[in-house]
Amino acid sequence: GRVCGPDPVCGLSCGTCTAPETCNSSGQCECVKDCTGRVCGPDPVCGESCGTCTAPETCNSKGQCCLKDCTGRVCGPDPVCGLSCGDCSSPNTCNSEGQCECVKDCSGRVCGPDPVCGESCGSCSSSTYCDDDGTCIPSDRIKWVRIVGGTFEMGSNDSEWTQPVHSVTVPTFEMSKTAVTFKQYQACVSAGGCVAAHVDDGT
């Protein structure tokens, strides 16, 4: 009838208990709850109840009955019981006053919307424009538009020459917003980044 502790005849072990249980005087494993300083909620040892609170009070994380006060607060812990007053939806976070707010991040950006809240990081002068990286670029330069990459299914099962259907991943790239002018292309040639255009003179 014993599963733990010493046997009463030889004093040899009858087994051990698995924490948090301990062996009692009858040789049985049991968990002795500890509600020291707690009047409600589960005890931290066995998870057994230390008591309940009378409505409208609720039990906080310290095992104390209290009436939470979320007056003027919509998120985070109430200042009385430490119980939640609510959560914020992304990308908002809860500030110290219990209000949901979006904290913009303009790191490395001087213009355009920040990528977190969409709020302005600033504006450019009339002779420049704001690119997708939040940098002011001279207006006479090529205006680039960022195309976000992704994966798509290429091909079709409708005909043999479009098979097989397969996944293709295209990385993020940039495309000029308008057609490149001769002047802009010539500047690229002069910089060594482009090959001079071939002019067909008929010979």
N, C-alpha and C. Protein backbone atom coordinates (compact mmCIF):
# COMPACT_ATOMS: atom_id res chain seq x y z
N GLY A 1 0.80 -1.21 0.00
CA GLY A 1 0.00 0.00 0.00
C GLY A 1 0.83 1.26 0.00
N ARG A 2 2.15 1.12 -0.04
CA ARG A 2 3.01 2.30 -0.04
C ARG A 2 3.68 2.46 -1.40
N VAL A 3 3.79 3.71 -1.86
CA VAL A 3 4.40 3.96 -3.17
C VAL A 3 5.66 4.83 -3.05
N CYS A 4 5.93 5.28 -1.83
CA CYS A 4 7.09 6.15 -1.67
C CYS A 4 7.60 6.07 -0.22
N GLY A 5 8.77 6.61 -0.01
CA GLY A 5 9.34 6.63 1.33
C GLY A 5 9.85 5.27 1.78
N PRO A 6 10.35 5.16 3.01
CA PRO A 6 10.90 3.91 3.50
C PRO A 6 9.81 2.91 3.94
N ASP A 7 10.06 1.64 3.69
CA ASP A 7 9.10 0.65 4.17
C ASP A 7 9.28 0.53 5.69
N PRO A 8 8.21 0.22 6.43
CA PRO A 8 8.27 0.21 7.89
C PRO A 8 9.06 -0.97 8.48
N VAL A 9 9.44 -1.94 7.66
CA VAL A 9 10.15 -3.11 8.19
C VAL A 9 11.66 -2.95 8.07
N CYS A 10 12.12 -2.75 6.82
CA CYS A 10 13.57 -2.70 6.59
C CYS A 10 14.10 -1.28 6.42
N GLY A 11 13.18 -0.33 6.23
CA GLY A 11 13.62 1.04 6.01
C GLY A 11 14.12 1.29 4.62
N LEU A 12 13.83 0.36 3.68
CA LEU A 12 14.26 0.54 2.29
C LEU A 12 13.20 1.34 1.53
N SER A 13 13.63 2.00 0.48
CA SER A 13 12.73 2.88 -0.27
C SER A 13 11.66 2.10 -1.02
N CYS A 14 10.44 2.62 -0.93
CA CYS A 14 9.31 2.05 -1.69
C CYS A 14 9.08 2.81 -2.99
N GLY A 15 9.87 3.85 -3.21
CA GLY A 15 9.72 4.65 -4.42
C GLY A 15 9.85 6.13 -4.11
N THR A 16 9.81 6.93 -5.15
CA THR A 16 9.90 8.39 -5.00
C THR A 16 8.73 9.05 -5.69
N CYS A 17 8.49 10.29 -5.33
CA CYS A 17 7.40 11.06 -5.93
C CYS A 17 7.95 12.03 -6.96
N THR A 18 7.10 12.38 -7.88
CA THR A 18 7.46 13.37 -8.90
C THR A 18 7.03 14.75 -8.44
N ALA A 19 7.97 15.73 -8.52
CA ALA A 19 7.66 17.11 -8.11
C ALA A 19 6.45 17.63 -8.87
N PRO A 20 5.57 18.40 -8.24
CA PRO A 20 5.75 18.98 -6.89
C PRO A 20 5.20 18.11 -5.76
N GLU A 21 4.87 16.85 -6.03
CA GLU A 21 4.33 15.99 -4.98
C GLU A 21 5.43 15.58 -4.01
N THR A 22 5.03 15.35 -2.78
CA THR A 22 5.95 14.86 -1.75
C THR A 22 5.33 13.63 -1.09
N CYS A 23 6.14 12.88 -0.40
CA CYS A 23 5.68 11.64 0.22
C CYS A 23 5.17 11.92 1.64
N ASN A 24 3.94 11.49 1.93
CA ASN A 24 3.40 11.71 3.27
C ASN A 24 3.74 10.54 4.19
N SER A 25 3.28 10.62 5.42
CA SER A 25 3.61 9.60 6.42
C SER A 25 3.00 8.24 6.11
N SER A 26 1.98 8.23 5.22
CA SER A 26 1.34 6.96 4.85
C SER A 26 1.99 6.32 3.63
N GLY A 27 3.06 6.95 3.13
CA GLY A 27 3.74 6.40 1.96
C GLY A 27 3.01 6.69 0.67
N GLN A 28 2.25 7.78 0.64
CA GLN A 28 1.51 8.16 -0.56
C GLN A 28 2.03 9.51 -1.07
N CYS A 29 2.04 9.64 -2.37
CA CYS A 29 2.47 10.89 -2.98
C CYS A 29 1.31 11.89 -2.96
N GLU A 30 1.57 13.08 -2.52
CA GLU A 30 0.54 14.10 -2.51
C GLU A 30 1.18 15.48 -2.70
N CYS A 31 0.36 16.37 -3.19
CA CYS A 31 0.83 17.75 -3.39
C CYS A 31 0.21 18.59 -2.28
N VAL A 32 1.05 19.24 -1.51
CA VAL A 32 0.57 20.09 -0.42
C VAL A 32 0.55 21.53 -0.92
N LYS A 33 -0.64 22.04 -1.11
CA LYS A 33 -0.74 23.40 -1.66
C LYS A 33 -0.23 24.42 -0.66
N ASP A 34 0.24 25.51 -1.21
CA ASP A 34 0.79 26.59 -0.38
C ASP A 34 0.07 27.89 -0.74
N CYS A 35 -0.84 28.33 0.12
CA CYS A 35 -1.59 29.56 -0.11
C CYS A 35 -1.10 30.70 0.79
N THR A 36 0.15 30.60 1.20
CA THR A 36 0.69 31.65 2.07
C THR A 36 0.58 33.02 1.40
N GLY A 37 -0.12 33.94 2.06
CA GLY A 37 -0.27 35.29 1.52
C GLY A 37 -1.27 35.41 0.40
N ARG A 38 -1.99 34.33 0.09
CA ARG A 38 -2.96 34.34 -1.01
C ARG A 38 -4.34 34.00 -0.47
N VAL A 39 -5.36 34.66 -1.03
CA VAL A 39 -6.74 34.39 -0.59
C VAL A 39 -7.62 33.91 -1.75
N CYS A 40 -7.06 33.91 -2.94
CA CYS A 40 -7.86 33.48 -4.09
C CYS A 40 -6.94 32.97 -5.19
N GLY A 41 -7.56 32.37 -6.19
CA GLY A 41 -6.80 31.86 -7.33
C GLY A 41 -6.02 30.61 -7.00
N PRO A 42 -5.27 30.09 -7.96
CA PRO A 42 -4.50 28.86 -7.74
C PRO A 42 -3.24 29.10 -6.91
N ASP A 43 -2.91 28.09 -6.08
CA ASP A 43 -1.66 28.21 -5.34
C ASP A 43 -0.52 27.93 -6.32
N PRO A 44 0.65 28.51 -6.08
CA PRO A 44 1.75 28.38 -7.04
C PRO A 44 2.44 27.01 -7.04
N VAL A 45 2.10 26.14 -6.10
CA VAL A 45 2.75 24.83 -6.02
C VAL A 45 1.94 23.76 -6.74
N CYS A 46 0.69 23.60 -6.35
CA CYS A 46 -0.14 22.52 -6.89
C CYS A 46 -1.19 23.00 -7.90
N GLY A 47 -1.40 24.31 -7.93
CA GLY A 47 -2.42 24.84 -8.83
C GLY A 47 -3.82 24.66 -8.29
N GLU A 48 -3.94 24.33 -6.98
CA GLU A 48 -5.26 24.17 -6.37
C GLU A 48 -5.76 25.52 -5.85
N SER A 49 -7.06 25.64 -5.75
CA SER A 49 -7.66 26.92 -5.38
C SER A 49 -7.34 27.34 -3.95
N CYS A 50 -7.01 28.61 -3.81
CA CYS A 50 -6.81 29.20 -2.49
C CYS A 50 -8.06 29.94 -2.02
N GLY A 51 -9.09 29.93 -2.85
CA GLY A 51 -10.33 30.61 -2.50
C GLY A 51 -10.87 31.39 -3.68
N THR A 52 -12.02 31.97 -3.51
CA THR A 52 -12.65 32.77 -4.55
C THR A 52 -13.00 34.15 -4.01
N CYS A 53 -13.22 35.06 -4.92
CA CYS A 53 -13.58 36.43 -4.56
C CYS A 53 -15.08 36.65 -4.71
N THR A 54 -15.60 37.59 -3.99
CA THR A 54 -17.01 37.95 -4.08
C THR A 54 -17.17 39.04 -5.12
N ALA A 55 -18.07 38.81 -6.08
CA ALA A 55 -18.32 39.79 -7.14
C ALA A 55 -18.71 41.13 -6.53
N PRO A 56 -18.26 42.24 -7.13
CA PRO A 56 -17.57 42.35 -8.43
C PRO A 56 -16.06 42.28 -8.34
N GLU A 57 -15.52 41.88 -7.19
CA GLU A 57 -14.08 41.78 -7.09
C GLU A 57 -13.56 40.59 -7.90
N THR A 58 -12.33 40.72 -8.35
CA THR A 58 -11.68 39.64 -9.09
C THR A 58 -10.32 39.37 -8.46
N CYS A 59 -9.77 38.22 -8.81
CA CYS A 59 -8.50 37.80 -8.23
C CYS A 59 -7.34 38.22 -9.14
N ASN A 60 -6.37 38.91 -8.57
CA ASN A 60 -5.23 39.33 -9.38
C ASN A 60 -4.13 38.27 -9.35
N SER A 61 -3.02 38.58 -10.02
CA SER A 61 -1.95 37.59 -10.15
C SER A 61 -1.25 37.30 -8.83
N LYS A 62 -1.46 38.16 -7.82
CA LYS A 62 -0.84 37.95 -6.52
C LYS A 62 -1.76 37.22 -5.54
N GLY A 63 -2.91 36.77 -6.06
CA GLY A 63 -3.83 36.02 -5.20
C GLY A 63 -4.59 36.89 -4.23
N GLN A 64 -4.84 38.15 -4.64
CA GLN A 64 -5.58 39.06 -3.79
C GLN A 64 -6.87 39.49 -4.49
N CYS A 65 -7.94 39.61 -3.71
CA CYS A 65 -9.21 40.06 -4.26
C CYS A 65 -9.20 41.59 -4.35
N CYS A 66 -9.53 42.10 -5.51
CA CYS A 66 -9.58 43.54 -5.67
C CYS A 66 -10.56 43.91 -6.77
N LEU A 67 -10.92 45.16 -6.82
CA LEU A 67 -11.85 45.67 -7.82
C LEU A 67 -11.05 46.50 -8.81
N LYS A 68 -10.85 45.97 -10.02
CA LYS A 68 -10.01 46.68 -10.98
C LYS A 68 -10.67 47.98 -11.43
N ASP A 69 -9.86 48.95 -11.74
CA ASP A 69 -10.34 50.26 -12.15
C ASP A 69 -9.68 50.65 -13.46
N CYS A 70 -10.44 50.57 -14.54
CA CYS A 70 -9.93 50.92 -15.87
C CYS A 70 -10.46 52.28 -16.33
N THR A 71 -10.85 53.11 -15.39
CA THR A 71 -11.37 54.44 -15.74
C THR A 71 -10.34 55.20 -16.59
N GLY A 72 -10.74 55.59 -17.79
CA GLY A 72 -9.86 56.34 -18.68
C GLY A 72 -8.79 55.52 -19.36
N ARG A 73 -8.83 54.20 -19.17
CA ARG A 73 -7.83 53.33 -19.77
C ARG A 73 -8.50 52.32 -20.69
N VAL A 74 -7.86 52.02 -21.80
CA VAL A 74 -8.42 51.05 -22.76
C VAL A 74 -7.50 49.85 -22.97
N CYS A 75 -6.32 49.90 -22.38
CA CYS A 75 -5.38 48.80 -22.58
C CYS A 75 -4.40 48.72 -21.41
N GLY A 76 -3.65 47.64 -21.37
CA GLY A 76 -2.66 47.45 -20.32
C GLY A 76 -3.28 47.14 -18.98
N PRO A 77 -2.46 47.00 -17.94
CA PRO A 77 -2.96 46.66 -16.61
C PRO A 77 -3.59 47.86 -15.91
N ASP A 78 -4.66 47.59 -15.14
CA ASP A 78 -5.24 48.67 -14.35
C ASP A 78 -4.31 48.95 -13.17
N PRO A 79 -4.27 50.18 -12.67
CA PRO A 79 -3.31 50.53 -11.62
C PRO A 79 -3.65 49.98 -10.24
N VAL A 80 -4.83 49.39 -10.07
CA VAL A 80 -5.24 48.89 -8.76
C VAL A 80 -4.92 47.41 -8.60
N CYS A 81 -5.42 46.62 -9.53
CA CYS A 81 -5.26 45.16 -9.42
C CYS A 81 -4.20 44.58 -10.35
N GLY A 82 -3.82 45.37 -11.34
CA GLY A 82 -2.86 44.85 -12.32
C GLY A 82 -3.51 43.95 -13.33
N LEU A 83 -4.86 43.99 -13.43
CA LEU A 83 -5.57 43.17 -14.40
C LEU A 83 -5.73 43.94 -15.71
N SER A 84 -5.87 43.21 -16.80
CA SER A 84 -5.90 43.82 -18.11
C SER A 84 -7.15 44.67 -18.35
N CYS A 85 -6.91 45.85 -18.94
CA CYS A 85 -8.01 46.73 -19.34
C CYS A 85 -8.32 46.56 -20.82
N GLY A 86 -7.57 45.73 -21.50
CA GLY A 86 -7.80 45.50 -22.92
C GLY A 86 -6.49 45.42 -23.69
N ASP A 87 -6.59 45.10 -24.96
CA ASP A 87 -5.43 45.00 -25.83
C ASP A 87 -5.56 45.97 -26.99
N CYS A 88 -4.43 46.27 -27.61
CA CYS A 88 -4.41 47.15 -28.78
C CYS A 88 -4.24 46.31 -30.04
N SER A 89 -4.82 46.77 -31.12
CA SER A 89 -4.65 46.09 -32.40
C SER A 89 -3.39 46.60 -33.07
N SER A 90 -2.68 45.71 -33.76
CA SER A 90 -1.44 46.06 -34.45
C SER A 90 -1.72 47.10 -35.53
N PRO A 91 -0.84 48.09 -35.74
CA PRO A 91 0.49 48.25 -35.15
C PRO A 91 0.51 49.09 -33.88
N ASN A 92 -0.65 49.34 -33.31
CA ASN A 92 -0.70 50.16 -32.09
C ASN A 92 -0.13 49.41 -30.89
N THR A 93 0.43 50.16 -29.97
CA THR A 93 0.92 49.61 -28.71
C THR A 93 0.33 50.42 -27.57
N CYS A 94 0.35 49.84 -26.39
CA CYS A 94 -0.24 50.49 -25.23
C CYS A 94 0.80 51.36 -24.53
N ASN A 95 0.48 52.63 -24.31
CA ASN A 95 1.43 53.50 -23.63
C ASN A 95 1.22 53.46 -22.12
N SER A 96 2.01 54.23 -21.39
CA SER A 96 1.96 54.19 -19.93
C SER A 96 0.66 54.73 -19.35
N GLU A 97 -0.11 55.43 -20.19
CA GLU A 97 -1.38 55.99 -19.72
C GLU A 97 -2.56 55.10 -20.07
N GLY A 98 -2.26 53.91 -20.58
CA GLY A 98 -3.34 52.98 -20.92
C GLY A 98 -4.09 53.33 -22.19
N GLN A 99 -3.40 54.00 -23.12
CA GLN A 99 -4.02 54.37 -24.39
C GLN A 99 -3.27 53.71 -25.54
N CYS A 100 -4.04 53.31 -26.54
CA CYS A 100 -3.43 52.69 -27.72
C CYS A 100 -2.89 53.80 -28.65
N GLU A 101 -1.67 53.64 -29.06
CA GLU A 101 -1.10 54.63 -29.97
C GLU A 101 -0.11 53.94 -30.90
N CYS A 102 0.10 54.57 -32.04
CA CYS A 102 1.06 54.05 -33.01
C CYS A 102 2.28 54.96 -32.96
N VAL A 103 3.44 54.38 -32.69
CA VAL A 103 4.68 55.15 -32.61
C VAL A 103 5.39 55.03 -33.97
N LYS A 104 5.41 56.12 -34.69
CA LYS A 104 6.00 56.07 -36.03
C LYS A 104 7.51 55.87 -35.96
N ASP A 105 8.05 55.26 -37.00
CA ASP A 105 9.48 54.98 -37.08
C ASP A 105 10.02 55.56 -38.38
N CYS A 106 10.71 56.68 -38.27
CA CYS A 106 11.27 57.35 -39.45
C CYS A 106 12.78 57.12 -39.55
N SER A 107 13.28 56.06 -38.94
CA SER A 107 14.71 55.76 -38.99
C SER A 107 15.20 55.69 -40.43
N GLY A 108 16.17 56.53 -40.77
CA GLY A 108 16.74 56.53 -42.12
C GLY A 108 15.86 57.17 -43.17
N ARG A 109 14.77 57.80 -42.76
CA ARG A 109 13.85 58.41 -43.72
C ARG A 109 13.70 59.91 -43.40
N VAL A 110 13.62 60.72 -44.44
CA VAL A 110 13.42 62.17 -44.26
C VAL A 110 12.13 62.65 -44.90
N CYS A 111 11.46 61.78 -45.60
CA CYS A 111 10.23 62.18 -46.28
C CYS A 111 9.32 60.97 -46.47
N GLY A 112 8.07 61.26 -46.89
CA GLY A 112 7.11 60.20 -47.14
C GLY A 112 6.59 59.56 -45.87
N PRO A 113 5.72 58.56 -46.01
CA PRO A 113 5.13 57.92 -44.83
C PRO A 113 6.10 56.95 -44.15
N ASP A 114 6.01 56.86 -42.82
CA ASP A 114 6.83 55.86 -42.13
C ASP A 114 6.19 54.49 -42.36
N PRO A 115 6.99 53.42 -42.36
CA PRO A 115 6.46 52.09 -42.69
C PRO A 115 5.62 51.44 -41.60
N VAL A 116 5.56 52.05 -40.41
CA VAL A 116 4.81 51.45 -39.32
C VAL A 116 3.39 52.02 -39.23
N CYS A 117 3.30 53.34 -39.10
CA CYS A 117 2.00 53.98 -38.89
C CYS A 117 1.46 54.68 -40.13
N GLY A 118 2.34 54.90 -41.12
CA GLY A 118 1.90 55.62 -42.31
C GLY A 118 1.85 57.12 -42.11
N GLU A 119 2.46 57.61 -41.03
CA GLU A 119 2.50 59.04 -40.78
C GLU A 119 3.71 59.66 -41.48
N SER A 120 3.61 60.95 -41.75
CA SER A 120 4.65 61.63 -42.52
C SER A 120 5.97 61.73 -41.77
N CYS A 121 7.06 61.46 -42.49
CA CYS A 121 8.40 61.64 -41.95
C CYS A 121 9.00 62.97 -42.42
N GLY A 122 8.25 63.72 -43.20
CA GLY A 122 8.73 64.99 -43.71
C GLY A 122 8.41 65.14 -45.18
N SER A 123 8.81 66.25 -45.77
CA SER A 123 8.56 66.50 -47.18
C SER A 123 9.82 67.00 -47.86
N CYS A 124 9.83 66.94 -49.17
CA CYS A 124 10.99 67.38 -49.95
C CYS A 124 10.73 68.76 -50.55
N SER A 125 11.79 69.41 -50.98
CA SER A 125 11.66 70.72 -51.62
C SER A 125 11.04 70.56 -53.00
N SER A 126 10.67 71.66 -53.60
CA SER A 126 10.01 71.63 -54.91
C SER A 126 10.91 71.09 -56.01
N SER A 127 12.23 71.09 -55.79
CA SER A 127 13.15 70.62 -56.82
C SER A 127 13.53 69.16 -56.64
N THR A 128 12.94 68.51 -55.63
CA THR A 128 13.23 67.10 -55.38
C THR A 128 11.93 66.33 -55.20
N TYR A 129 12.03 65.00 -55.25
CA TYR A 129 10.88 64.15 -54.98
C TYR A 129 11.29 63.07 -53.98
N CYS A 130 10.31 62.49 -53.31
CA CYS A 130 10.58 61.47 -52.30
C CYS A 130 10.48 60.08 -52.91
N ASP A 131 11.55 59.29 -52.79
CA ASP A 131 11.49 57.93 -53.33
C ASP A 131 10.94 56.96 -52.28
N ASP A 132 10.88 55.68 -52.63
CA ASP A 132 10.27 54.68 -51.74
C ASP A 132 11.08 54.44 -50.48
N ASP A 133 12.35 54.87 -50.47
CA ASP A 133 13.20 54.70 -49.29
C ASP A 133 13.14 55.91 -48.36
N GLY A 134 12.29 56.90 -48.72
CA GLY A 134 12.18 58.09 -47.87
C GLY A 134 13.35 59.04 -48.04
N THR A 135 13.94 59.05 -49.23
CA THR A 135 15.06 59.95 -49.52
C THR A 135 14.63 60.97 -50.57
N CYS A 136 15.04 62.21 -50.39
CA CYS A 136 14.73 63.26 -51.36
C CYS A 136 15.71 63.17 -52.52
N ILE A 137 15.19 63.00 -53.74
CA ILE A 137 15.99 62.83 -54.94
C ILE A 137 15.73 64.00 -55.89
N PRO A 138 16.79 64.55 -56.51
CA PRO A 138 16.59 65.64 -57.48
C PRO A 138 15.56 65.25 -58.54
N SER A 139 14.67 66.17 -58.88
CA SER A 139 13.56 65.87 -59.79
C SER A 139 14.00 65.54 -61.21
N ASP A 140 15.22 65.98 -61.61
CA ASP A 140 15.66 65.71 -62.97
C ASP A 140 16.19 64.30 -63.13
N ARG A 141 16.27 63.55 -62.05
CA ARG A 141 16.70 62.16 -62.14
C ARG A 141 15.51 61.25 -62.45
N ILE A 142 15.85 60.00 -62.81
CA ILE A 142 14.80 59.04 -63.12
C ILE A 142 14.02 58.73 -61.84
N LYS A 143 12.71 58.74 -61.94
CA LYS A 143 11.87 58.42 -60.79
C LYS A 143 11.61 56.91 -60.80
N TRP A 144 11.98 56.27 -59.69
CA TRP A 144 11.85 54.82 -59.59
C TRP A 144 10.66 54.43 -58.72
N VAL A 145 10.00 53.36 -59.10
CA VAL A 145 8.87 52.81 -58.34
C VAL A 145 9.23 51.39 -57.93
N ARG A 146 9.10 51.10 -56.64
CA ARG A 146 9.45 49.77 -56.15
C ARG A 146 8.30 48.79 -56.39
N ILE A 147 8.63 47.67 -57.00
CA ILE A 147 7.66 46.60 -57.25
C ILE A 147 8.00 45.47 -56.29
N VAL A 148 7.09 45.19 -55.37
CA VAL A 148 7.33 44.16 -54.37
C VAL A 148 7.29 42.77 -55.01
N GLY A 149 8.31 42.00 -54.74
CA GLY A 149 8.41 40.66 -55.33
C GLY A 149 7.42 39.68 -54.72
N GLY A 150 7.40 38.49 -55.27
CA GLY A 150 6.49 37.47 -54.78
C GLY A 150 6.60 36.20 -55.61
N THR A 151 5.79 35.22 -55.30
CA THR A 151 5.79 33.94 -56.02
C THR A 151 4.46 33.74 -56.72
N PHE A 152 4.51 33.27 -57.96
CA PHE A 152 3.29 33.01 -58.71
C PHE A 152 3.45 31.72 -59.51
N GLU A 153 2.33 31.21 -59.97
CA GLU A 153 2.34 29.98 -60.77
C GLU A 153 2.42 30.35 -62.24
N MET A 154 3.48 29.93 -62.90
CA MET A 154 3.65 30.21 -64.33
C MET A 154 3.26 28.99 -65.15
N GLY A 155 2.59 29.24 -66.26
CA GLY A 155 2.20 28.16 -67.15
C GLY A 155 0.72 27.86 -67.08
N SER A 156 0.32 26.89 -67.87
CA SER A 156 -1.09 26.51 -67.93
C SER A 156 -1.19 25.07 -68.41
N ASN A 157 -2.24 24.40 -67.98
CA ASN A 157 -2.47 23.03 -68.44
C ASN A 157 -3.38 22.98 -69.67
N ASP A 158 -3.69 24.17 -70.20
CA ASP A 158 -4.60 24.23 -71.35
C ASP A 158 -3.95 23.74 -72.65
N SER A 159 -2.64 23.87 -72.72
CA SER A 159 -1.97 23.43 -73.95
C SER A 159 -0.59 22.89 -73.61
N GLU A 160 0.01 22.12 -74.53
CA GLU A 160 1.29 21.49 -74.25
C GLU A 160 2.41 22.50 -74.11
N TRP A 161 2.38 23.56 -74.92
CA TRP A 161 3.51 24.50 -74.93
C TRP A 161 3.53 25.43 -73.71
N THR A 162 2.47 25.38 -72.90
CA THR A 162 2.46 26.19 -71.66
C THR A 162 2.69 25.33 -70.42
N GLN A 163 2.99 24.04 -70.63
CA GLN A 163 3.24 23.14 -69.49
C GLN A 163 4.75 22.97 -69.30
N PRO A 164 5.17 22.58 -68.08
CA PRO A 164 4.32 22.32 -66.90
C PRO A 164 4.09 23.61 -66.10
N VAL A 165 3.03 23.60 -65.31
CA VAL A 165 2.80 24.71 -64.40
C VAL A 165 3.84 24.62 -63.28
N HIS A 166 4.51 25.74 -63.01
CA HIS A 166 5.57 25.72 -61.99
C HIS A 166 5.63 27.07 -61.26
N SER A 167 6.16 27.01 -60.07
CA SER A 167 6.25 28.22 -59.24
C SER A 167 7.48 29.03 -59.64
N VAL A 168 7.27 30.33 -59.76
CA VAL A 168 8.36 31.25 -60.08
C VAL A 168 8.38 32.36 -59.04
N THR A 169 9.54 32.62 -58.48
CA THR A 169 9.68 33.68 -57.49
C THR A 169 10.44 34.85 -58.11
N VAL A 170 9.82 36.01 -58.05
CA VAL A 170 10.43 37.22 -58.59
C VAL A 170 10.84 38.10 -57.41
N PRO A 171 12.12 38.47 -57.31
CA PRO A 171 12.54 39.34 -56.20
C PRO A 171 12.02 40.76 -56.38
N THR A 172 12.05 41.51 -55.31
CA THR A 172 11.64 42.91 -55.37
C THR A 172 12.57 43.67 -56.31
N PHE A 173 12.00 44.52 -57.15
CA PHE A 173 12.81 45.28 -58.09
C PHE A 173 12.21 46.67 -58.27
N GLU A 174 12.93 47.54 -58.98
CA GLU A 174 12.45 48.89 -59.23
C GLU A 174 12.29 49.11 -60.73
N MET A 175 11.29 49.91 -61.08
CA MET A 175 11.02 50.24 -62.47
C MET A 175 10.84 51.75 -62.58
N SER A 176 11.34 52.32 -63.66
CA SER A 176 11.19 53.76 -63.84
C SER A 176 9.71 54.10 -64.01
N LYS A 177 9.31 55.21 -63.38
CA LYS A 177 7.91 55.61 -63.40
C LYS A 177 7.48 56.07 -64.78
N THR A 178 8.40 56.66 -65.52
CA THR A 178 8.11 57.14 -66.87
C THR A 178 9.16 56.58 -67.82
N ALA A 179 8.91 56.76 -69.12
CA ALA A 179 9.87 56.30 -70.12
C ALA A 179 11.18 57.07 -69.97
N VAL A 180 12.30 56.37 -70.17
CA VAL A 180 13.61 56.99 -70.05
C VAL A 180 13.84 57.90 -71.25
N THR A 181 14.30 59.10 -70.98
CA THR A 181 14.56 60.05 -72.08
C THR A 181 15.95 59.79 -72.66
N PHE A 182 16.20 60.34 -73.86
CA PHE A 182 17.52 60.21 -74.48
C PHE A 182 18.59 60.80 -73.58
N LYS A 183 18.29 61.94 -72.97
CA LYS A 183 19.26 62.61 -72.11
C LYS A 183 19.61 61.74 -70.92
N GLN A 184 18.60 61.11 -70.33
CA GLN A 184 18.84 60.25 -69.17
C GLN A 184 19.64 59.01 -69.56
N TYR A 185 19.33 58.44 -70.74
CA TYR A 185 20.06 57.26 -71.17
C TYR A 185 21.50 57.60 -71.49
N GLN A 186 21.72 58.76 -72.10
CA GLN A 186 23.07 59.17 -72.43
C GLN A 186 23.90 59.39 -71.17
N ALA A 187 23.25 59.90 -70.12
CA ALA A 187 23.94 60.08 -68.84
C ALA A 187 24.36 58.74 -68.27
N CYS A 188 23.52 57.72 -68.46
CA CYS A 188 23.84 56.36 -68.01
C CYS A 188 25.01 55.79 -68.80
N VAL A 189 25.05 56.07 -70.13
CA VAL A 189 26.15 55.62 -70.97
C VAL A 189 27.45 56.27 -70.52
N SER A 190 27.37 57.57 -70.27
CA SER A 190 28.57 58.32 -69.86
C SER A 190 29.11 57.82 -68.53
N ALA A 191 28.21 57.34 -67.66
CA ALA A 191 28.62 56.85 -66.35
C ALA A 191 29.13 55.42 -66.42
N GLY A 192 29.04 54.80 -67.60
CA GLY A 192 29.53 53.44 -67.76
C GLY A 192 28.54 52.37 -67.33
N GLY A 193 27.29 52.76 -67.07
CA GLY A 193 26.31 51.78 -66.64
C GLY A 193 25.44 51.24 -67.75
N CYS A 194 25.49 51.88 -68.92
CA CYS A 194 24.66 51.46 -70.06
C CYS A 194 25.52 51.38 -71.32
N VAL A 195 25.06 50.58 -72.27
CA VAL A 195 25.74 50.45 -73.58
C VAL A 195 25.13 51.46 -74.53
N ALA A 196 25.96 52.13 -75.27
CA ALA A 196 25.47 53.13 -76.21
C ALA A 196 24.48 52.49 -77.17
N ALA A 197 23.41 53.21 -77.45
CA ALA A 197 22.37 52.71 -78.34
C ALA A 197 22.90 52.62 -79.77
N HIS A 198 22.54 51.54 -80.46
CA HIS A 198 22.95 51.37 -81.85
C HIS A 198 22.00 52.13 -82.76
N VAL A 199 22.58 52.92 -83.61
CA VAL A 199 21.77 53.67 -84.56
C VAL A 199 21.91 53.00 -85.93
N ASP A 200 20.78 52.56 -86.45
CA ASP A 200 20.79 51.87 -87.76
C ASP A 200 20.82 52.93 -88.86
N ASP A 201 22.01 53.05 -89.46
CA ASP A 201 22.14 54.06 -90.54
C ASP A 201 21.96 53.44 -91.91
N GLY A 202 21.58 52.17 -91.94
CA GLY A 202 21.30 51.53 -93.21
C GLY A 202 22.50 50.85 -93.85
N THR A 203 23.67 50.97 -93.22
CA THR A 203 24.86 50.35 -93.81
C THR A 203 25.08 48.97 -93.25
